[in-house]
C-alpha atoms as a PDB file:
ATOM      1  CA  MET A   1      65.233 -42.973  66.674  1.00  0.00           C
ATOM      2  CA  PRO A   2      68.521 -40.697  67.612  1.00  0.00           C
ATOM      3  CA  GLU A   3      69.076 -40.592  71.720  1.00  0.00           C
ATOM      4  CA  THR A   4      69.504 -37.681  73.171  1.00  0.00           C
ATOM      5  CA  VAL A   5      73.369 -36.762  73.782  1.00  0.00           C
ATOM      6  CA  ILE A   6      73.654 -34.489  76.717  1.00  0.00           C
ATOM      7  CA  ALA A   7      77.323 -33.157  75.922  1.00  0.00           C
ATOM      8  CA  ASN A   8      79.709 -31.019  78.671  1.00  0.00           C
ATOM      9  CA  PRO A   9      79.985 -27.746  78.637  1.00  0.00           C
ATOM     10  CA  SER A  10      83.827 -27.397  77.267  1.00  0.00           C
ATOM     11  CA  GLU A  11      82.389 -29.241  74.520  1.00  0.00           C
ATOM     12  CA  THR A  12      79.568 -27.320  73.556  1.00  0.00           C
ATOM     13  CA  LEU A  13      81.836 -24.485  73.414  1.00  0.00           C
ATOM     14  CA  LYS A  14      84.254 -25.948  71.338  1.00  0.00           C
ATOM     15  CA  ALA A  15      81.354 -26.712  69.242  1.00  0.00           C
ATOM     16  CA  ILE A  16      80.155 -23.289  68.750  1.00  0.00           C
ATOM     17  CA  ASP A  17      83.724 -22.141  68.498  1.00  0.00           C
ATOM     18  CA  GLU A  18      84.169 -24.039  65.346  1.00  0.00           C
ATOM     19  CA  ILE A  19      80.611 -22.769  64.192  1.00  0.00           C
ATOM     20  CA  VAL A  20      80.896 -18.998  64.640  1.00  0.00           C
ATOM     21  CA  ASP A  21      84.962 -19.291  62.961  1.00  0.00           C
ATOM     22  CA  ASN A  22      83.972 -21.425  60.213  1.00  0.00           C
ATOM     23  CA  PHE A  23      81.004 -18.688  59.534  1.00  0.00           C
ATOM     24  CA  SER A  24      83.360 -16.146  59.706  1.00  0.00           C
ATOM     25  CA  LEU A  25      85.841 -17.563  57.035  1.00  0.00           C
ATOM     26  CA  LEU A  26      82.307 -17.258  54.095  1.00  0.00           C
ATOM     27  CA  ASP A  27      82.206 -14.169  52.784  1.00  0.00           C
ATOM     28  CA  GLU A  28      79.369 -14.587  50.386  1.00  0.00           C
ATOM     29  CA  TRP A  29      75.393 -14.927  51.512  1.00  0.00           C
ATOM     30  CA  ASP A  30      74.792 -18.180  49.472  1.00  0.00           C
ATOM     31  CA  ASP A  31      78.152 -19.806  51.164  1.00  0.00           C
ATOM     32  CA  ARG A  32      76.714 -19.049  54.657  1.00  0.00           C
ATOM     33  CA  TYR A  33      73.160 -20.058  53.646  1.00  0.00           C
ATOM     34  CA  ARG A  34      74.745 -23.450  52.091  1.00  0.00           C
ATOM     35  CA  TYR A  35      76.794 -23.983  55.297  1.00  0.00           C
ATOM     36  CA  VAL A  36      73.404 -23.184  57.776  1.00  0.00           C
ATOM     37  CA  ILE A  37      71.647 -25.683  55.940  1.00  0.00           C
ATOM     38  CA  GLU A  38      74.445 -28.395  55.664  1.00  0.00           C
ATOM     39  CA  LEU A  39      74.807 -27.987  59.811  1.00  0.00           C
ATOM     40  CA  GLY A  40      71.083 -28.796  60.047  1.00  0.00           C
ATOM     41  CA  ARG A  41      71.213 -32.245  57.625  1.00  0.00           C
ATOM     42  CA  SER A  42      73.300 -33.096  59.999  1.00  0.00           C
ATOM     43  CA  LEU A  43      71.206 -33.488  63.216  1.00  0.00           C
ATOM     44  CA  GLY A  44      68.690 -35.883  63.635  1.00  0.00           C
ATOM     45  CA  PRO A  45      64.790 -35.595  62.920  1.00  0.00           C
ATOM     46  CA  LEU A  46      62.333 -33.999  65.447  1.00  0.00           C
ATOM     47  CA  PRO A  47      60.738 -37.040  66.798  1.00  0.00           C
ATOM     48  CA  ASP A  48      56.973 -36.849  65.905  1.00  0.00           C
ATOM     49  CA  ARG A  49      55.874 -36.914  69.646  1.00  0.00           C
ATOM     50  CA  ASP A  50      57.437 -33.841  69.946  1.00  0.00           C
ATOM     51  CA  ARG A  51      55.759 -32.237  66.879  1.00  0.00           C
ATOM     52  CA  THR A  52      52.463 -31.016  69.401  1.00  0.00           C
ATOM     53  CA  GLU A  53      50.407 -28.104  69.285  1.00  0.00           C
ATOM     54  CA  ALA A  54      52.384 -26.809  72.356  1.00  0.00           C
ATOM     55  CA  ASN A  55      55.592 -26.879  70.736  1.00  0.00           C
ATOM     56  CA  LYS A  56      54.614 -25.102  67.515  1.00  0.00           C
ATOM     57  CA  VAL A  57      55.941 -21.711  67.300  1.00  0.00           C
ATOM     58  CA  GLN A  58      53.278 -19.099  66.209  1.00  0.00           C
ATOM     59  CA  GLY A  59      53.714 -16.404  63.575  1.00  0.00           C
ATOM     60  CA  CYS A  60      56.262 -18.086  61.518  1.00  0.00           C
ATOM     61  CA  ALA A  61      56.104 -18.280  57.599  1.00  0.00           C
ATOM     62  CA  SER A  62      56.333 -21.969  57.542  1.00  0.00           C
ATOM     63  CA  GLN A  63      55.366 -24.931  60.571  1.00  0.00           C
ATOM     64  CA  VAL A  64      58.096 -25.002  63.093  1.00  0.00           C
ATOM     65  CA  TRP A  65      58.000 -26.467  66.432  1.00  0.00           C
ATOM     66  CA  LEU A  66      60.681 -26.141  69.125  1.00  0.00           C
ATOM     67  CA  ALA A  67      61.131 -28.618  71.974  1.00  0.00           C
ATOM     68  CA  THR A  68      63.243 -27.977  75.318  1.00  0.00           C
ATOM     69  CA  THR A  69      64.209 -30.443  77.841  1.00  0.00           C
ATOM     70  CA  VAL A  70      65.599 -29.524  81.366  1.00  0.00           C
ATOM     71  CA  HIS A  71      67.599 -32.253  82.835  1.00  0.00           C
ATOM     72  CA  PRO A  72      66.653 -32.605  86.437  1.00  0.00           C
ATOM     73  CA  ASP A  73      70.065 -33.091  87.678  1.00  0.00           C
ATOM     74  CA  GLY A  74      71.251 -30.061  85.896  1.00  0.00           C
ATOM     75  CA  ARG A  75      73.591 -31.205  83.827  1.00  0.00           C
ATOM     76  CA  GLY A  76      74.275 -29.391  80.488  1.00  0.00           C
ATOM     77  CA  GLY A  77      71.320 -26.570  80.951  1.00  0.00           C
ATOM     78  CA  PRO A  78      68.252 -26.705  78.646  1.00  0.00           C
ATOM     79  CA  TYR A  79      68.806 -29.174  75.888  1.00  0.00           C
ATOM     80  CA  SER A  80      66.620 -27.665  72.241  1.00  0.00           C
ATOM     81  CA  ARG A  81      65.619 -29.658  69.234  1.00  0.00           C
ATOM     82  CA  SER A  82      63.455 -28.000  66.863  1.00  0.00           C
ATOM     83  CA  ALA A  83      62.419 -28.622  63.323  1.00  0.00           C
ATOM     84  CA  ALA A  84      60.495 -26.654  60.492  1.00  0.00           C
ATOM     85  CA  THR A  85      58.831 -27.582  56.822  1.00  0.00           C
ATOM     86  CA  ALA A  86      60.963 -25.330  55.090  1.00  0.00           C
ATOM     87  CA  MET A  87      65.096 -24.948  54.686  1.00  0.00           C
ATOM     88  CA  LEU A  88      65.000 -22.027  56.351  1.00  0.00           C
ATOM     89  CA  THR A  89      62.304 -20.094  57.947  1.00  0.00           C
ATOM     90  CA  SER A  90      61.056 -16.815  58.591  1.00  0.00           C
ATOM     91  CA  CYS A  91      59.384 -15.803  62.171  1.00  0.00           C
ATOM     92  CA  ALA A  92      57.495 -12.790  63.440  1.00  0.00           C
ATOM     93  CA  GLY A  93      58.849 -12.125  66.916  1.00  0.00           C
END
């Protein structure tokens, strides 16, 4: 099972900037779709212990879980992980 890694804020911002830059280079919606799927596949799976009713997102077309951890020492802010039974899902918000 993958371990939770807390990145420092500057590394996180660099990663976000890289994703935004890469996404902006893709003009076609299907290329953007494939890129989002590729990013999701690079993540470890959500542990079964986090697939609880309390973490289940209501109003989605498929089953979706969102688990958030707040570290007591405040490092890295909240850390969220998610999983869904579909590659991309639609939720009423």
